[in-house]
C-alpha atoms as a PDB file:
ATOM      1  CA  MET A   1      15.966  53.636 184.575  1.00  0.00           C
ATOM      2  CA  ARG A   2      15.113  56.644 182.369  1.00  0.00           C
ATOM      3  CA  ARG A   3      13.965  59.813 184.055  1.00  0.00           C
ATOM      4  CA  ASN A   4      10.605  61.337 183.194  1.00  0.00           C
ATOM      5  CA  LEU A   5      11.723  63.834 180.542  1.00  0.00           C
ATOM      6  CA  LYS A   6       9.565  66.306 178.686  1.00  0.00           C
ATOM      7  CA  PRO A   7       9.422  66.176 174.856  1.00  0.00           C
ATOM      8  CA  ASN A   8      12.679  67.363 173.203  1.00  0.00           C
ATOM      9  CA  VAL A   9      14.590  67.348 176.510  1.00  0.00           C
ATOM     10  CA  VAL A  10      17.814  65.319 176.388  1.00  0.00           C
ATOM     11  CA  ILE A  11      20.650  64.598 178.793  1.00  0.00           C
ATOM     12  CA  ARG A  12      24.236  65.282 177.688  1.00  0.00           C
ATOM     13  CA  LYS A  13      27.068  64.676 180.145  1.00  0.00           C
ATOM     14  CA  GLY A  14      24.643  64.844 183.051  1.00  0.00           C
ATOM     15  CA  LEU A  15      23.173  68.212 181.981  1.00  0.00           C
ATOM     16  CA  TYR A  16      19.700  68.942 180.588  1.00  0.00           C
ATOM     17  CA  TYR A  17      19.169  70.499 177.160  1.00  0.00           C
ATOM     18  CA  TYR A  18      16.214  71.376 174.967  1.00  0.00           C
ATOM     19  CA  ARG A  19      16.882  69.998 171.483  1.00  0.00           C
ATOM     20  CA  ALA A  20      15.589  72.394 168.855  1.00  0.00           C
ATOM     21  CA  ARG A  21      15.820  72.083 165.095  1.00  0.00           C
ATOM     22  CA  GLU A  22      16.318  74.889 162.605  1.00  0.00           C
ATOM     23  CA  THR A  23      17.005  75.181 158.892  1.00  0.00           C
ATOM     24  CA  VAL A  24      20.149  77.069 157.864  1.00  0.00           C
ATOM     25  CA  GLU A  25      20.840  77.554 154.128  1.00  0.00           C
ATOM     26  CA  GLY A  26      18.544  74.680 153.308  1.00  0.00           C
ATOM     27  CA  LYS A  27      20.141  72.286 155.818  1.00  0.00           C
ATOM     28  CA  ARG A  28      18.513  70.956 158.971  1.00  0.00           C
ATOM     29  CA  LYS A  29      20.563  71.705 162.060  1.00  0.00           C
ATOM     30  CA  GLU A  30      20.132  70.666 165.688  1.00  0.00           C
ATOM     31  CA  LEU A  31      20.499  73.287 168.388  1.00  0.00           C
ATOM     32  CA  TYR A  32      20.925  72.371 172.065  1.00  0.00           C
ATOM     33  CA  ILE A  33      19.767  74.959 174.613  1.00  0.00           C
ATOM     34  CA  ARG A  34      20.882  74.410 178.203  1.00  0.00           C
ATOM     35  CA  ILE A  35      18.185  74.144 180.891  1.00  0.00           C
ATOM     36  CA  ASP A  36      20.153  75.145 183.952  1.00  0.00           C
ATOM     37  CA  ALA A  37      17.739  73.956 186.650  1.00  0.00           C
ATOM     38  CA  THR A  38      16.707  70.875 188.638  1.00  0.00           C
ATOM     39  CA  LEU A  39      14.588  68.452 186.605  1.00  0.00           C
ATOM     40  CA  ASN A  40      10.807  68.999 186.974  1.00  0.00           C
ATOM     41  CA  SER A  41      11.288  71.965 189.335  1.00  0.00           C
ATOM     42  CA  PRO A  42       9.180  75.134 188.785  1.00  0.00           C
ATOM     43  CA  GLU A  43      12.303  76.876 187.430  1.00  0.00           C
ATOM     44  CA  PHE A  44      12.914  73.969 185.022  1.00  0.00           C
ATOM     45  CA  ASP A  45       9.317  74.130 183.749  1.00  0.00           C
ATOM     46  CA  ALA A  46       9.503  77.910 183.330  1.00  0.00           C
ATOM     47  CA  ILE A  47      12.680  77.697 181.221  1.00  0.00           C
ATOM     48  CA  TYR A  48      11.260  74.788 179.201  1.00  0.00           C
ATOM     49  CA  TRP A  49       8.060  76.619 178.232  1.00  0.00           C
ATOM     50  CA  ALA A  50       9.962  79.854 177.577  1.00  0.00           C
ATOM     51  CA  ILE A  51      12.182  77.997 175.102  1.00  0.00           C
ATOM     52  CA  LYS A  52       9.178  76.398 173.377  1.00  0.00           C
ATOM     53  CA  SER A  53       7.492  79.787 173.021  1.00  0.00           C
ATOM     54  CA  GLY A  54      10.655  81.489 171.794  1.00  0.00           C
ATOM     55  CA  LYS A  55      10.861  83.841 174.772  1.00  0.00           C
ATOM     56  CA  HIS A  56      13.867  82.341 176.539  1.00  0.00           C
ATOM     57  CA  GLU A  57      17.117  84.323 176.615  1.00  0.00           C
ATOM     58  CA  PRO A  58      20.005  82.020 177.678  1.00  0.00           C
ATOM     59  CA  LYS A  59      22.406  83.274 180.302  1.00  0.00           C
ATOM     60  CA  LYS A  60      25.600  84.541 178.758  1.00  0.00           C
ATOM     61  CA  VAL A  61      28.513  82.327 179.732  1.00  0.00           C
ATOM     62  CA  ASN A  62      31.857  84.008 180.328  1.00  0.00           C
ATOM     63  CA  THR A  63      34.302  81.771 178.461  1.00  0.00           C
ATOM     64  CA  ASN A  64      37.575  83.505 179.317  1.00  0.00           C
ATOM     65  CA  PHE A  65      40.564  81.881 181.042  1.00  0.00           C
ATOM     66  CA  ALA A  66      39.846  83.561 184.372  1.00  0.00           C
ATOM     67  CA  ALA A  67      36.443  81.861 184.485  1.00  0.00           C
ATOM     68  CA  LEU A  68      37.884  78.563 183.254  1.00  0.00           C
ATOM     69  CA  VAL A  69      40.635  78.454 185.892  1.00  0.00           C
ATOM     70  CA  SER A  70      38.128  79.283 188.635  1.00  0.00           C
ATOM     71  CA  SER A  71      35.724  76.623 187.386  1.00  0.00           C
ATOM     72  CA  TYR A  72      38.462  73.987 187.219  1.00  0.00           C
ATOM     73  CA  MET A  73      39.836  74.808 190.687  1.00  0.00           C
ATOM     74  CA  ASN A  74      36.308  74.469 192.099  1.00  0.00           C
ATOM     75  CA  SER A  75      35.666  71.207 190.263  1.00  0.00           C
ATOM     76  CA  ARG A  76      35.578  67.770 191.850  1.00  0.00           C
ATOM     77  CA  LYS A  77      38.366  66.670 189.516  1.00  0.00           C
ATOM     78  CA  TYR A  78      40.759  69.283 190.957  1.00  0.00           C
ATOM     79  CA  LYS A  79      39.633  68.854 194.555  1.00  0.00           C
ATOM     80  CA  ASP A  80      40.269  65.091 194.362  1.00  0.00           C
ATOM     81  CA  LEU A  81      43.930  65.627 193.420  1.00  0.00           C
ATOM     82  CA  ALA A  82      46.629  64.914 195.982  1.00  0.00           C
ATOM     83  CA  ASP A  83      47.812  67.973 197.914  1.00  0.00           C
ATOM     84  CA  GLY A  84      51.280  67.693 196.353  1.00  0.00           C
ATOM     85  CA  THR A  85      49.775  67.681 192.853  1.00  0.00           C
ATOM     86  CA  LYS A  86      47.676  70.732 193.655  1.00  0.00           C
ATOM     87  CA  ARG A  87      50.801  72.564 194.817  1.00  0.00           C
ATOM     88  CA  LYS A  88      52.426  71.776 191.447  1.00  0.00           C
ATOM     89  CA  TYR A  89      49.398  72.867 189.425  1.00  0.00           C
ATOM     90  CA  ARG A  90      48.514  76.031 191.352  1.00  0.00           C
ATOM     91  CA  PRO A  91      51.411  78.360 190.318  1.00  0.00           C
ATOM     92  CA  ILE A  92      50.802  77.740 186.600  1.00  0.00           C
ATOM     93  CA  LEU A  93      47.038  78.025 186.985  1.00  0.00           C
ATOM     94  CA  GLU A  94      47.462  81.365 188.752  1.00  0.00           C
ATOM     95  CA  GLN A  95      49.922  82.533 186.100  1.00  0.00           C
ATOM     96  CA  ILE A  96      47.462  81.658 183.339  1.00  0.00           C
ATOM     97  CA  ARG A  97      44.672  83.463 185.201  1.00  0.00           C
ATOM     98  CA  GLU A  98      46.856  86.563 185.672  1.00  0.00           C
ATOM     99  CA  LYS A  99      48.373  86.781 182.192  1.00  0.00           C
ATOM    100  CA  ASN A 100      45.584  85.377 179.999  1.00  0.00           C
ATOM    101  CA  GLY A 101      42.510  85.883 182.160  1.00  0.00           C
ATOM    102  CA  ALA A 102      40.654  88.079 179.670  1.00  0.00           C
ATOM    103  CA  SER A 103      41.394  85.873 176.625  1.00  0.00           C
ATOM    104  CA  ASP A 104      38.465  83.914 175.202  1.00  0.00           C
ATOM    105  CA  VAL A 105      39.089  80.163 175.510  1.00  0.00           C
ATOM    106  CA  THR A 106      36.835  79.398 172.547  1.00  0.00           C
ATOM    107  CA  ARG A 107      39.056  81.411 170.178  1.00  0.00           C
ATOM    108  CA  ILE A 108      42.361  79.699 171.022  1.00  0.00           C
ATOM    109  CA  LYS A 109      43.963  77.687 168.206  1.00  0.00           C
ATOM    110  CA  ARG A 110      46.764  75.144 168.070  1.00  0.00           C
ATOM    111  CA  SER A 111      49.095  77.832 166.675  1.00  0.00           C
ATOM    112  CA  ASP A 112      48.426  80.010 169.749  1.00  0.00           C
ATOM    113  CA  VAL A 113      49.462  77.187 172.084  1.00  0.00           C
ATOM    114  CA  ASP A 114      52.563  76.563 169.941  1.00  0.00           C
ATOM    115  CA  ALA A 115      53.477  80.228 170.340  1.00  0.00           C
ATOM    116  CA  ILE A 116      53.097  80.064 174.136  1.00  0.00           C
ATOM    117  CA  HIS A 117      55.237  76.905 174.195  1.00  0.00           C
ATOM    118  CA  GLU A 118      57.912  78.619 172.129  1.00  0.00           C
ATOM    119  CA  LYS A 119      57.851  81.698 174.377  1.00  0.00           C
ATOM    120  CA  TYR A 120      59.187  79.668 177.309  1.00  0.00           C
ATOM    121  CA  ALA A 121      61.620  77.667 175.190  1.00  0.00           C
ATOM    122  CA  ASP A 122      64.703  78.660 177.160  1.00  0.00           C
ATOM    123  CA  THR A 123      63.278  76.649 180.075  1.00  0.00           C
ATOM    124  CA  PRO A 124      62.001  73.527 178.248  1.00  0.00           C
ATOM    125  CA  ARG A 125      60.576  71.779 181.289  1.00  0.00           C
ATOM    126  CA  LYS A 126      58.574  74.864 182.255  1.00  0.00           C
ATOM    127  CA  ALA A 127      57.406  75.244 178.645  1.00  0.00           C
ATOM    128  CA  ASP A 128      56.194  71.639 178.552  1.00  0.00           C
ATOM    129  CA  TRP A 129      54.553  71.926 181.976  1.00  0.00           C
ATOM    130  CA  TYR A 130      52.719  75.101 180.910  1.00  0.00           C
ATOM    131  CA  VAL A 131      51.275  73.321 177.854  1.00  0.00           C
ATOM    132  CA  GLN A 132      50.320  70.286 179.943  1.00  0.00           C
ATOM    133  CA  ILE A 133      48.371  72.480 182.376  1.00  0.00           C
ATOM    134  CA  LEU A 134      46.699  74.239 179.428  1.00  0.00           C
ATOM    135  CA  SER A 135      45.699  70.825 178.091  1.00  0.00           C
ATOM    136  CA  ILE A 136      44.061  69.981 181.427  1.00  0.00           C
ATOM    137  CA  LEU A 137      42.154  73.278 181.307  1.00  0.00           C
ATOM    138  CA  PHE A 138      41.022  72.691 177.726  1.00  0.00           C
ATOM    139  CA  ASN A 139      39.733  69.237 178.677  1.00  0.00           C
ATOM    140  CA  HIS A 140      37.746  70.921 181.442  1.00  0.00           C
ATOM    141  CA  ALA A 141      36.408  73.425 178.887  1.00  0.00           C
ATOM    142  CA  ILE A 142      35.243  70.468 176.760  1.00  0.00           C
ATOM    143  CA  ARG A 143      33.358  69.099 179.779  1.00  0.00           C
ATOM    144  CA  LEU A 144      31.710  72.526 180.143  1.00  0.00           C
ATOM    145  CA  ASP A 145      30.693  72.387 176.451  1.00  0.00           C
ATOM    146  CA  TRP A 146      32.687  75.532 175.693  1.00  0.00           C
ATOM    147  CA  ILE A 147      34.807  73.851 173.030  1.00  0.00           C
ATOM    148  CA  THR A 148      34.759  70.509 171.203  1.00  0.00           C
ATOM    149  CA  SER A 149      38.485  69.774 170.861  1.00  0.00           C
ATOM    150  CA  ASN A 150      41.711  70.349 172.801  1.00  0.00           C
ATOM    151  CA  PRO A 151      44.120  72.706 170.937  1.00  0.00           C
ATOM    152  CA  ALA A 152      47.024  71.675 173.215  1.00  0.00           C
ATOM    153  CA  LYS A 153      46.607  67.935 172.690  1.00  0.00           C
ATOM    154  CA  THR A 154      48.909  67.562 169.678  1.00  0.00           C
ATOM    155  CA  VAL A 155      51.554  70.162 170.597  1.00  0.00           C
ATOM    156  CA  GLU A 156      54.961  68.494 170.429  1.00  0.00           C
ATOM    157  CA  LEU A 157      56.652  68.831 173.803  1.00  0.00           C
ATOM    158  CA  PHE A 158      60.345  69.549 174.098  1.00  0.00           C
ATOM    159  CA  GLY A 159      61.125  66.755 176.522  1.00  0.00           C
ATOM    160  CA  ALA A 160      63.782  66.911 179.238  1.00  0.00           C
ATOM    161  CA  GLN A 161      66.691  66.830 176.787  1.00  0.00           C
ATOM    162  CA  LYS A 162      65.511  69.585 174.448  1.00  0.00           C
ATOM    163  CA  ALA A 163      68.186  72.196 173.756  1.00  0.00           C
ATOM    164  CA  ILE A 164      67.626  75.480 171.963  1.00  0.00           C
ATOM    165  CA  GLU A 165      70.195  75.845 169.211  1.00  0.00           C
ATOM    166  CA  PRO A 166      71.549  79.133 167.833  1.00  0.00           C
ATOM    167  CA  TRP A 167      70.927  79.736 164.161  1.00  0.00           C
ATOM    168  CA  PRO A 168      73.822  78.537 161.989  1.00  0.00           C
ATOM    169  CA  LEU A 169      75.094  80.831 159.244  1.00  0.00           C
ATOM    170  CA  TRP A 170      73.313  78.959 156.435  1.00  0.00           C
ATOM    171  CA  PHE A 171      69.962  79.425 158.188  1.00  0.00           C
ATOM    172  CA  GLN A 172      70.672  83.098 158.936  1.00  0.00           C
ATOM    173  CA  ARG A 173      71.428  83.743 155.259  1.00  0.00           C
ATOM    174  CA  ALA A 174      68.337  81.862 154.074  1.00  0.00           C
ATOM    175  CA  TYR A 175      66.212  83.763 156.596  1.00  0.00           C
ATOM    176  CA  LEU A 176      67.550  87.167 155.510  1.00  0.00           C
ATOM    177  CA  ASP A 177      66.820  86.296 151.881  1.00  0.00           C
ATOM    178  CA  ARG A 178      63.117  85.864 152.697  1.00  0.00           C
ATOM    179  CA  ALA A 179      62.345  87.977 155.772  1.00  0.00           C
ATOM    180  CA  THR A 180      60.514  91.299 155.583  1.00  0.00           C
ATOM    181  CA  GLY A 181      58.673  93.507 158.066  1.00  0.00           C
ATOM    182  CA  PRO A 182      58.640  92.351 161.709  1.00  0.00           C
ATOM    183  CA  ALA A 183      60.426  89.102 160.815  1.00  0.00           C
ATOM    184  CA  LEU A 184      63.389  91.054 159.429  1.00  0.00           C
ATOM    185  CA  THR A 185      63.403  93.515 162.338  1.00  0.00           C
ATOM    186  CA  ALA A 186      63.431  90.555 164.746  1.00  0.00           C
ATOM    187  CA  PHE A 187      66.647  89.245 163.207  1.00  0.00           C
ATOM    188  CA  TYR A 188      68.588  92.475 163.667  1.00  0.00           C
ATOM    189  CA  VAL A 189      67.146  93.392 167.069  1.00  0.00           C
ATOM    190  CA  GLY A 190      67.371  89.836 168.407  1.00  0.00           C
ATOM    191  CA  SER A 191      70.892  89.089 167.216  1.00  0.00           C
ATOM    192  CA  GLY A 192      72.023  92.606 168.090  1.00  0.00           C
ATOM    193  CA  THR A 193      70.697  92.774 171.658  1.00  0.00           C
ATOM    194  CA  GLY A 194      70.449  89.082 172.561  1.00  0.00           C
ATOM    195  CA  GLN A 195      67.007  89.584 174.089  1.00  0.00           C
ATOM    196  CA  ARG A 196      63.995  87.296 174.209  1.00  0.00           C
ATOM    197  CA  ALA A 197      61.260  87.909 171.643  1.00  0.00           C
ATOM    198  CA  GLY A 198      58.774  88.775 174.396  1.00  0.00           C
ATOM    199  CA  ASP A 199      61.071  91.598 175.496  1.00  0.00           C
ATOM    200  CA  MET A 200      61.803  92.734 171.940  1.00  0.00           C
ATOM    201  CA  VAL A 201      58.160  93.493 171.120  1.00  0.00           C
ATOM    202  CA  LYS A 202      57.987  95.833 174.139  1.00  0.00           C
ATOM    203  CA  MET A 203      60.929  97.968 172.980  1.00  0.00           C
ATOM    204  CA  GLU A 204      60.042 101.577 172.262  1.00  0.00           C
ATOM    205  CA  TRP A 205      61.973 104.149 170.262  1.00  0.00           C
ATOM    206  CA  ALA A 206      62.319 106.132 173.485  1.00  0.00           C
ATOM    207  CA  HIS A 207      64.319 103.223 174.916  1.00  0.00           C
ATOM    208  CA  TYR A 208      66.943 103.659 172.191  1.00  0.00           C
ATOM    209  CA  HIS A 209      69.319 106.580 172.630  1.00  0.00           C
ATOM    210  CA  ASP A 210      73.050 107.267 172.360  1.00  0.00           C
ATOM    211  CA  ASP A 211      73.527 103.837 170.674  1.00  0.00           C
ATOM    212  CA  TYR A 212      72.135 102.008 173.748  1.00  0.00           C
ATOM    213  CA  MET A 213      68.903 100.036 174.109  1.00  0.00           C
ATOM    214  CA  SER A 214      67.256  99.886 177.557  1.00  0.00           C
ATOM    215  CA  VAL A 215      65.231  96.755 178.305  1.00  0.00           C
ATOM    216  CA  THR A 216      63.228  95.507 181.282  1.00  0.00           C
ATOM    217  CA  GLN A 217      63.343  91.725 181.001  1.00  0.00           C
ATOM    218  CA  GLU A 218      59.992  90.085 181.665  1.00  0.00           C
ATOM    219  CA  LYS A 219      61.556  86.891 183.030  1.00  0.00           C
ATOM    220  CA  THR A 220      64.212  88.338 185.348  1.00  0.00           C
ATOM    221  CA  LYS A 221      62.464  91.701 186.010  1.00  0.00           C
ATOM    222  CA  ALA A 222      65.931  93.259 185.620  1.00  0.00           C
ATOM    223  CA  ARG A 223      66.432  96.573 183.844  1.00  0.00           C
ATOM    224  CA  ILE A 224      69.522  96.391 181.623  1.00  0.00           C
ATOM    225  CA  THR A 225      71.097  98.762 179.094  1.00  0.00           C
ATOM    226  CA  ILE A 226      72.765  97.211 176.056  1.00  0.00           C
ATOM    227  CA  TYR A 227      75.203  98.837 173.663  1.00  0.00           C
ATOM    228  CA  CYS A 228      73.992  98.191 170.108  1.00  0.00           C
ATOM    229  CA  PRO A 229      76.522  96.872 167.532  1.00  0.00           C
ATOM    230  CA  PRO A 230      77.017  98.775 164.248  1.00  0.00           C
ATOM    231  CA  LYS A 231      74.899  96.300 162.222  1.00  0.00           C
ATOM    232  CA  LEU A 232      71.884  96.957 164.449  1.00  0.00           C
ATOM    233  CA  ARG A 233      72.450 100.714 164.583  1.00  0.00           C
ATOM    234  CA  ARG A 234      72.520 100.903 160.768  1.00  0.00           C
ATOM    235  CA  PHE A 235      69.308  98.894 160.527  1.00  0.00           C
ATOM    236  CA  LEU A 236      67.486 101.045 163.098  1.00  0.00           C
ATOM    237  CA  ALA A 237      68.644 104.223 161.377  1.00  0.00           C
ATOM    238  CA  GLU A 238      66.846 103.105 158.186  1.00  0.00           C
ATOM    239  CA  LEU A 239      63.772 101.543 159.864  1.00  0.00           C
ATOM    240  CA  PRO A 240      60.669 103.770 159.442  1.00  0.00           C
ATOM    241  CA  ARG A 241      59.246 104.992 162.750  1.00  0.00           C
ATOM    242  CA  THR A 242      55.558 104.204 162.306  1.00  0.00           C
ATOM    243  CA  GLY A 243      54.621 104.344 165.967  1.00  0.00           C
ATOM    244  CA  LYS A 244      55.762 104.468 169.565  1.00  0.00           C
ATOM    245  CA  HIS A 245      57.176 100.923 169.438  1.00  0.00           C
ATOM    246  CA  ILE A 246      59.981  99.553 167.289  1.00  0.00           C
ATOM    247  CA  PHE A 247      57.660  96.634 166.465  1.00  0.00           C
ATOM    248  CA  ALA A 248      54.679  98.944 165.890  1.00  0.00           C
ATOM    249  CA  ARG A 249      51.119  97.761 165.456  1.00  0.00           C
ATOM    250  CA  ASP A 250      49.778 101.311 165.296  1.00  0.00           C
ATOM    251  CA  LEU A 251      50.781 104.726 166.619  1.00  0.00           C
ATOM    252  CA  THR A 252      50.542 103.778 170.302  1.00  0.00           C
ATOM    253  CA  THR A 253      50.763  99.976 170.600  1.00  0.00           C
ATOM    254  CA  GLY A 254      53.232  97.318 169.567  1.00  0.00           C
ATOM    255  CA  ILE A 255      52.590  93.874 168.114  1.00  0.00           C
ATOM    256  CA  THR A 256      52.319  90.892 170.454  1.00  0.00           C
ATOM    257  CA  TYR A 257      54.772  88.055 170.912  1.00  0.00           C
ATOM    258  CA  HIS A 258      52.307  85.718 169.181  1.00  0.00           C
ATOM    259  CA  THR A 259      52.170  87.980 166.125  1.00  0.00           C
ATOM    260  CA  LEU A 260      55.964  88.160 165.902  1.00  0.00           C
ATOM    261  CA  GLU A 261      56.258  84.401 166.318  1.00  0.00           C
ATOM    262  CA  LYS A 262      53.811  83.883 163.429  1.00  0.00           C
ATOM    263  CA  HIS A 263      55.881  86.183 161.182  1.00  0.00           C
ATOM    264  CA  PHE A 264      58.997  84.175 162.073  1.00  0.00           C
ATOM    265  CA  ARG A 265      57.238  80.846 161.556  1.00  0.00           C
ATOM    266  CA  ALA A 266      56.091  81.851 158.072  1.00  0.00           C
ATOM    267  CA  VAL A 267      59.703  82.541 157.022  1.00  0.00           C
ATOM    268  CA  ARG A 268      61.094  79.449 158.785  1.00  0.00           C
ATOM    269  CA  ASP A 269      58.471  77.166 157.230  1.00  0.00           C
ATOM    270  CA  ALA A 270      59.171  78.571 153.761  1.00  0.00           C
ATOM    271  CA  ILE A 271      62.854  77.685 154.183  1.00  0.00           C
ATOM    272  CA  ALA A 272      61.943  74.227 155.482  1.00  0.00           C
ATOM    273  CA  VAL A 273      60.106  73.408 152.239  1.00  0.00           C
ATOM    274  CA  GLY A 274      63.470  73.081 150.509  1.00  0.00           C
ATOM    275  CA  VAL A 275      65.624  72.332 153.559  1.00  0.00           C
ATOM    276  CA  PRO A 276      63.724  70.232 156.141  1.00  0.00           C
ATOM    277  CA  GLU A 277      66.480  70.790 158.739  1.00  0.00           C
ATOM    278  CA  ALA A 278      65.286  74.395 159.030  1.00  0.00           C
ATOM    279  CA  ALA A 279      62.192  73.245 160.941  1.00  0.00           C
ATOM    280  CA  ALA A 280      64.407  72.574 163.992  1.00  0.00           C
ATOM    281  CA  TYR A 281      65.173  76.265 164.555  1.00  0.00           C
ATOM    282  CA  SER A 282      63.023  78.497 166.713  1.00  0.00           C
ATOM    283  CA  LEU A 283      62.547  82.213 167.189  1.00  0.00           C
ATOM    284  CA  HIS A 284      64.106  81.856 170.620  1.00  0.00           C
ATOM    285  CA  GLY A 285      67.280  80.470 169.032  1.00  0.00           C
ATOM    286  CA  LEU A 286      67.909  83.934 167.604  1.00  0.00           C
ATOM    287  CA  ARG A 287      68.752  85.120 171.118  1.00  0.00           C
ATOM    288  CA  TYR A 288      71.692  82.736 171.174  1.00  0.00           C
ATOM    289  CA  VAL A 289      73.135  84.047 167.915  1.00  0.00           C
ATOM    290  CA  ALA A 290      74.365  87.001 169.976  1.00  0.00           C
ATOM    291  CA  ALA A 291      75.727  84.701 172.705  1.00  0.00           C
ATOM    292  CA  VAL A 292      77.651  82.587 170.177  1.00  0.00           C
ATOM    293  CA  GLU A 293      79.119  85.568 168.337  1.00  0.00           C
ATOM    294  CA  LEU A 294      80.219  87.142 171.617  1.00  0.00           C
ATOM    295  CA  ALA A 295      81.715  83.848 172.800  1.00  0.00           C
ATOM    296  CA  GLU A 296      83.591  83.326 169.528  1.00  0.00           C
ATOM    297  CA  ALA A 297      84.944  86.871 169.839  1.00  0.00           C
ATOM    298  CA  GLY A 298      86.566  85.816 173.111  1.00  0.00           C
ATOM    299  CA  CYS A 299      84.253  87.660 175.519  1.00  0.00           C
ATOM    300  CA  THR A 300      84.261  86.677 179.174  1.00  0.00           C
ATOM    301  CA  ASP A 301      81.217  85.179 180.901  1.00  0.00           C
ATOM    302  CA  ALA A 302      80.504  88.512 182.571  1.00  0.00           C
ATOM    303  CA  GLU A 303      80.687  90.377 179.235  1.00  0.00           C
ATOM    304  CA  ILE A 304      78.282  87.972 177.550  1.00  0.00           C
ATOM    305  CA  GLN A 305      75.939  88.106 180.540  1.00  0.00           C
ATOM    306  CA  ALA A 306      75.956  91.930 180.402  1.00  0.00           C
ATOM    307  CA  VAL A 307      74.476  91.720 176.883  1.00  0.00           C
ATOM    308  CA  THR A 308      72.061  88.781 177.125  1.00  0.00           C
ATOM    309  CA  GLY A 309      71.005  89.399 180.715  1.00  0.00           C
ATOM    310  CA  HIS A 310      71.077  85.709 181.655  1.00  0.00           C
ATOM    311  CA  LYS A 311      70.374  85.444 185.375  1.00  0.00           C
ATOM    312  CA  THR A 312      72.681  82.451 185.786  1.00  0.00           C
ATOM    313  CA  LEU A 313      75.959  81.644 184.053  1.00  0.00           C
ATOM    314  CA  GLU A 314      74.974  78.123 182.980  1.00  0.00           C
ATOM    315  CA  MET A 315      73.848  79.024 179.436  1.00  0.00           C
ATOM    316  CA  VAL A 316      76.586  81.647 179.042  1.00  0.00           C
ATOM    317  CA  GLN A 317      79.271  79.117 179.951  1.00  0.00           C
ATOM    318  CA  LYS A 318      77.740  76.591 177.557  1.00  0.00           C
ATOM    319  CA  TYR A 319      78.205  78.830 174.516  1.00  0.00           C
ATOM    320  CA  ARG A 320      81.596  80.140 175.601  1.00  0.00           C
ATOM    321  CA  SER A 321      82.718  76.524 176.067  1.00  0.00           C
ATOM    322  CA  GLN A 322      81.438  75.626 172.590  1.00  0.00           C
ATOM    323  CA  ALA A 323      83.267  78.590 171.082  1.00  0.00           C
ATOM    324  CA  ARG A 324      86.479  77.625 172.853  1.00  0.00           C
ATOM    325  CA  GLN A 325      86.174  74.020 171.637  1.00  0.00           C
ATOM    326  CA  LYS A 326      85.679  75.246 168.086  1.00  0.00           C
ATOM    327  CA  GLN A 327      88.763  77.481 168.265  1.00  0.00           C
ATOM    328  CA  LEU A 328      90.879  74.788 169.919  1.00  0.00           C
ATOM    329  CA  SER A 329      89.924  72.317 167.190  1.00  0.00           C
ATOM    330  CA  LYS A 330      91.307  74.746 164.619  1.00  0.00           C
ATOM    331  CA  THR A 331      94.619  75.319 166.410  1.00  0.00           C
ATOM    332  CA  ALA A 332      94.944  71.582 167.059  1.00  0.00           C
ATOM    333  CA  GLN A 333      94.374  70.646 163.434  1.00  0.00           C
ATOM    334  CA  GLU A 334      96.755  73.349 162.216  1.00  0.00           C
ATOM    335  CA  LYS A 335      99.484  71.777 164.352  1.00  0.00           C
ATOM    336  CA  ARG A 336      99.085  68.547 162.357  1.00  0.00           C
ATOM    337  CA  GLN A 337     100.138  70.264 159.146  1.00  0.00           C
END
């Protein structure tokens, strides 16, 4: 049974709107104005007649992630979840609220979600879980009429077996042939220090002295000091100092991880046009170039860990084991001759 609605009032997803029509550049366009009140109440009638007379000023809706997380956690959909599921969701929801609270949900694109996914690539399950929680939030934003599509919906997840591969020499050479600006700096700083891209963009010139780079790792919270190899020192000596940061945006601020990832992606995608295999390599894989080179040089686990800052030895042992297998294959095959 239809409710007794006033002219031009429509119901969309259980909410009341005044449907107005306007002409923009010669085209008729429908505009839906929310009537945030109980149907046929005095407040409803006041808003309705204010809209008709052109005197209504809609309440400004805060569409940032802090508001979205709060709205979702107060929603019936979240409250109906099992307690165990809530415990799984809550840490990521709180992390999103803390780190991205001020970001406008309506301005997020698929490429932004890809960049976030890539940022956590060294822990694939966490990266996938982060994107899955974002997808849930975006679906909630659609229900709130903030956005019309879910930018996380088509992001390709790593899956449980995803492994981040170091860049092979052919890809490194192709990358250096094309890279300029922040993309080129990322290669030398990343392969030289073995640090994550999120930590690289925070490096300041003041952190570099006496051939050492000091870094506070975002993931481990550890403060480490890394001796820079000659290749990196030569590059930094010639790099113009245009601001406080090595990856400078202006005099006082550095570029963001997302910006650096976009510079990398542009170079990687250009290579992939001619060599499709290039699409498999990520910005995070640059961190493991240092680990592989150190392992192939015969460094111990502790020596590699001192450079990369890995909290556990699992990844360090993986690359040292690969390097040892490669060397043993050579000595074994030489014995056949």
